[in-house]
N, C-alpha and C. Protein backbone atom coordinates (compact mmCIF):
# COMPACT_ATOMS: atom_id res chain seq x y z
N MET A 1 13.79 -41.44 8.04
CA MET A 1 14.51 -40.64 6.93
C MET A 1 15.72 -40.66 6.59
N ASN A 2 15.88 -40.80 5.74
CA ASN A 2 17.56 -40.72 5.18
C ASN A 2 18.32 -39.42 5.14
N GLY A 3 17.92 -38.62 5.31
CA GLY A 3 18.58 -37.18 5.20
C GLY A 3 18.31 -36.49 3.66
N LEU A 4 17.55 -37.28 2.91
CA LEU A 4 17.46 -36.30 1.17
C LEU A 4 16.48 -35.19 1.30
N SER A 5 15.75 -35.25 2.51
CA SER A 5 14.32 -34.33 2.39
C SER A 5 15.30 -32.96 2.69
N ASP A 6 16.02 -32.88 3.48
CA ASP A 6 16.60 -31.71 3.27
C ASP A 6 17.53 -31.12 2.06
N VAL A 7 17.81 -32.11 1.65
CA VAL A 7 18.47 -31.14 0.25
C VAL A 7 17.27 -30.97 -0.69
N ARG A 8 16.27 -31.67 -0.81
CA ARG A 8 15.20 -31.63 -1.57
C ARG A 8 14.50 -30.00 -1.29
N LEU A 9 14.55 -29.89 0.06
CA LEU A 9 13.93 -28.86 0.57
C LEU A 9 14.63 -27.34 -0.07
N THR A 10 16.04 -28.24 0.46
CA THR A 10 17.04 -26.89 0.26
C THR A 10 17.11 -26.13 -1.15
N LEU A 11 16.85 -27.64 -2.35
CA LEU A 11 16.51 -26.92 -3.60
C LEU A 11 15.33 -26.07 -3.82
N ARG A 12 14.01 -26.71 -3.10
CA ARG A 12 13.47 -25.73 -3.30
C ARG A 12 13.00 -24.43 -3.27
N SER A 13 13.86 -24.39 -1.72
CA SER A 13 13.57 -22.98 -1.36
C SER A 13 14.57 -22.13 -2.14
N GLN A 14 15.50 -22.41 -2.99
CA GLN A 14 16.78 -22.07 -3.81
C GLN A 14 15.48 -21.50 -4.76
N GLU A 15 14.69 -22.14 -5.47
CA GLU A 15 13.68 -21.86 -6.57
C GLU A 15 12.91 -21.20 -6.07
N LEU A 16 12.12 -20.75 -5.24
CA LEU A 16 11.32 -20.34 -4.79
C LEU A 16 11.83 -18.80 -3.87
N VAL A 17 12.80 -18.94 -3.56
CA VAL A 17 13.15 -17.24 -2.87
C VAL A 17 14.69 -17.33 -3.73
N ALA A 18 14.36 -17.07 -4.87
CA ALA A 18 15.97 -16.52 -5.31
C ALA A 18 16.45 -15.33 -5.21
N GLY A 19 17.93 -15.05 -4.99
CA GLY A 19 18.27 -13.85 -4.17
C GLY A 19 18.36 -13.80 -2.51
N GLN A 20 17.53 -14.60 -2.03
CA GLN A 20 17.59 -14.46 -0.60
C GLN A 20 18.29 -15.69 0.32
N LYS A 21 19.54 -15.49 -0.06
CA LYS A 21 20.58 -16.61 0.78
C LYS A 21 20.25 -16.79 1.90
N ASN A 22 20.01 -15.85 2.82
CA ASN A 22 19.97 -16.03 4.45
C ASN A 22 18.58 -17.02 4.37
N GLY A 23 17.44 -17.01 3.97
CA GLY A 23 16.30 -17.61 3.85
C GLY A 23 17.15 -19.20 3.36
N ALA A 24 17.48 -19.51 2.46
CA ALA A 24 18.24 -20.59 2.18
C ALA A 24 18.90 -21.65 3.25
N CYS A 25 19.90 -20.73 3.77
CA CYS A 25 20.55 -21.07 4.99
C CYS A 25 19.90 -21.87 5.99
N GLY A 26 18.64 -20.53 6.15
CA GLY A 26 18.27 -21.34 7.47
C GLY A 26 17.54 -22.51 7.33
N ALA A 27 17.09 -22.96 5.99
CA ALA A 27 16.22 -24.17 5.77
C ALA A 27 17.13 -25.39 5.95
N VAL A 28 18.34 -24.87 5.66
CA VAL A 28 19.77 -26.40 5.58
C VAL A 28 19.67 -26.51 7.04
N LEU A 29 20.05 -25.36 8.04
CA LEU A 29 20.01 -25.52 9.27
C LEU A 29 18.89 -26.18 9.75
N ARG A 30 18.07 -25.77 9.72
CA ARG A 30 16.08 -26.38 10.18
C ARG A 30 16.13 -27.96 9.70
N ASN A 31 16.84 -27.90 8.55
CA ASN A 31 16.28 -29.48 8.28
C ASN A 31 17.02 -30.51 8.42
N ALA A 32 18.66 -30.00 9.26
CA ALA A 32 19.23 -31.13 9.55
C ALA A 32 19.15 -31.87 11.13
N PRO A 33 19.54 -32.83 11.32
CA PRO A 33 19.07 -33.49 12.56
C PRO A 33 19.35 -32.82 13.80
N SER A 34 18.60 -32.16 14.52
CA SER A 34 18.74 -31.43 16.07
C SER A 34 20.42 -31.70 16.77
N GLY A 35 20.60 -31.05 17.24
CA GLY A 35 21.89 -31.36 18.09
C GLY A 35 22.80 -31.60 17.27
N LEU A 36 23.24 -31.25 16.17
CA LEU A 36 24.48 -31.41 15.62
C LEU A 36 25.41 -30.09 15.69
N GLY A 37 26.71 -30.53 15.73
CA GLY A 37 27.51 -28.90 15.90
C GLY A 37 28.23 -28.88 14.38
N ARG A 38 29.02 -28.18 13.99
CA ARG A 38 29.52 -28.15 12.74
C ARG A 38 30.13 -29.13 12.38
N TRP A 39 30.85 -30.00 13.01
CA TRP A 39 31.23 -30.88 12.22
C TRP A 39 30.20 -31.81 12.03
N GLY A 40 29.37 -32.27 13.11
CA GLY A 40 28.22 -33.12 12.70
C GLY A 40 27.54 -32.70 11.24
N LEU A 41 27.00 -31.56 11.40
CA LEU A 41 26.65 -30.87 10.18
C LEU A 41 27.48 -31.36 9.06
N PHE A 42 28.63 -31.39 9.00
CA PHE A 42 29.44 -31.24 7.71
C PHE A 42 29.19 -32.77 7.45
N TRP A 43 29.47 -34.01 8.47
CA TRP A 43 29.47 -34.82 8.37
C TRP A 43 27.85 -35.34 7.80
N HIS A 44 26.73 -35.04 7.91
CA HIS A 44 25.88 -35.14 7.49
C HIS A 44 25.53 -34.56 6.09
N ARG A 45 26.03 -33.53 6.19
CA ARG A 45 25.83 -33.24 4.34
C ARG A 45 26.37 -34.06 3.52
N LEU A 46 28.23 -34.65 4.03
CA LEU A 46 28.72 -35.39 3.16
C LEU A 46 28.20 -36.86 2.86
N HIS A 47 27.16 -37.24 3.65
CA HIS A 47 26.63 -38.60 3.72
C HIS A 47 25.00 -38.49 2.84
N THR A 48 24.69 -37.37 2.72
CA THR A 48 23.67 -37.46 2.33
C THR A 48 23.60 -37.17 0.93
N ARG A 49 24.96 -36.37 0.58
CA ARG A 49 24.67 -36.00 -0.56
C ARG A 49 25.38 -37.14 -1.50
N ARG A 50 26.67 -37.80 -0.87
CA ARG A 50 26.82 -39.47 -1.62
C ARG A 50 25.95 -40.05 -1.86
N ALA A 51 24.58 -40.20 -0.71
CA ALA A 51 23.65 -40.94 -1.19
C ALA A 51 22.95 -40.41 -2.59
N LEU A 52 23.02 -39.12 -3.03
CA LEU A 52 22.22 -38.53 -3.96
C LEU A 52 22.70 -39.31 -5.22
N LEU A 53 24.17 -39.30 -5.15
CA LEU A 53 25.04 -40.16 -6.30
C LEU A 53 24.68 -41.39 -6.71
N THR A 54 23.97 -41.77 -5.40
CA THR A 54 23.68 -43.40 -5.61
C THR A 54 22.33 -44.10 -5.98
N LEU A 55 21.53 -42.76 -6.01
CA LEU A 55 19.97 -43.32 -6.25
C LEU A 55 19.77 -43.39 -7.74
N THR A 56 18.75 -44.28 -7.89
CA THR A 56 18.36 -44.48 -9.16
C THR A 56 17.43 -43.50 -9.63
N PRO A 57 17.08 -43.35 -10.97
CA PRO A 57 16.05 -42.49 -11.65
C PRO A 57 14.99 -42.61 -11.08
N GLU A 58 14.42 -43.31 -10.61
CA GLU A 58 13.09 -44.09 -10.12
C GLU A 58 12.79 -43.27 -8.72
N GLN A 59 14.23 -43.62 -7.82
CA GLN A 59 14.22 -43.05 -6.49
C GLN A 59 14.11 -41.36 -6.68
N LEU A 60 15.18 -41.07 -7.53
CA LEU A 60 14.97 -39.64 -7.76
C LEU A 60 13.89 -38.88 -7.85
N ARG A 61 13.13 -39.75 -8.60
CA ARG A 61 11.58 -39.16 -9.25
C ARG A 61 10.91 -39.30 -7.92
N ASP A 62 10.81 -40.12 -7.00
CA ASP A 62 10.08 -39.97 -6.03
C ASP A 62 10.60 -39.00 -5.13
N VAL A 63 11.55 -38.47 -5.05
CA VAL A 63 12.23 -37.35 -4.09
C VAL A 63 11.94 -36.07 -4.82
N GLY A 64 11.75 -36.09 -6.32
CA GLY A 64 11.53 -35.23 -6.80
C GLY A 64 12.22 -34.23 -7.06
N LEU A 65 13.43 -35.28 -7.53
CA LEU A 65 14.78 -34.55 -8.47
C LEU A 65 14.86 -35.04 -9.51
N SER A 66 15.22 -34.09 -10.26
CA SER A 66 15.71 -35.12 -11.86
C SER A 66 17.61 -34.75 -11.62
N CYS A 67 18.09 -35.90 -12.07
CA CYS A 67 19.45 -36.48 -12.57
C CYS A 67 20.55 -35.48 -11.94
N GLU A 68 20.02 -34.01 -12.78
CA GLU A 68 21.13 -33.01 -13.10
C GLU A 68 20.96 -32.43 -11.75
N GLN A 69 19.63 -32.32 -11.05
CA GLN A 69 19.71 -31.53 -9.71
C GLN A 69 20.50 -32.36 -8.91
N ALA A 70 20.28 -33.75 -8.79
CA ALA A 70 21.05 -34.80 -8.03
C ALA A 70 22.49 -34.44 -8.23
N ARG A 71 22.80 -34.32 -9.31
CA ARG A 71 24.62 -34.76 -9.63
C ARG A 71 25.20 -33.38 -8.86
N GLU A 72 24.09 -32.12 -9.37
CA GLU A 72 25.09 -30.76 -9.02
C GLU A 72 24.77 -30.68 -7.32
N GLU A 73 23.92 -31.52 -6.83
CA GLU A 73 23.99 -31.17 -5.11
C GLU A 73 25.18 -31.77 -4.71
N GLY A 74 24.85 -33.52 -5.33
CA GLY A 74 25.94 -34.37 -4.88
C GLY A 74 27.52 -33.85 -5.11
N LEU A 75 27.49 -33.22 -5.78
CA LEU A 75 29.14 -32.64 -5.97
C LEU A 75 30.07 -32.11 -5.12
N LYS A 76 28.58 -31.21 -4.52
CA LYS A 76 29.21 -29.98 -3.80
C LYS A 76 29.75 -30.50 -2.32
N PRO A 77 31.04 -29.25 -2.48
CA PRO A 77 31.74 -30.35 -1.15
C PRO A 77 30.97 -29.86 0.14
N PHE A 78 31.65 -30.92 0.87
CA PHE A 78 30.49 -30.87 2.13
C PHE A 78 30.27 -29.29 2.85
N TRP A 79 31.29 -28.40 2.91
CA TRP A 79 31.18 -27.57 3.49
C TRP A 79 30.18 -26.23 3.30
N ARG A 80 29.60 -26.60 1.83
CA ARG A 80 29.17 -25.25 1.26
C ARG A 80 27.73 -26.03 1.30
N ILE A 81 27.17 -25.00 1.83
CA ILE A 81 25.50 -24.86 1.42
C ILE A 81 24.99 -25.11 0.39
């Protein structure tokens, strides 16, 4: 896996559980590779979000994201969930 599944699951959890930020935060942490510290998690987010910005429309469709969703998530700073 290249880490895009955690971004997709985070977006999906935000759609399903609007207003419950604790559930979305937990989903992000559960989907990150195990054993990461704070800086490792930041590094992981930075790289997966950069990868989103380089995907083609066909690849985004395979992941289940629109171009707008991928751009919005990809442009987030690495410290934001």
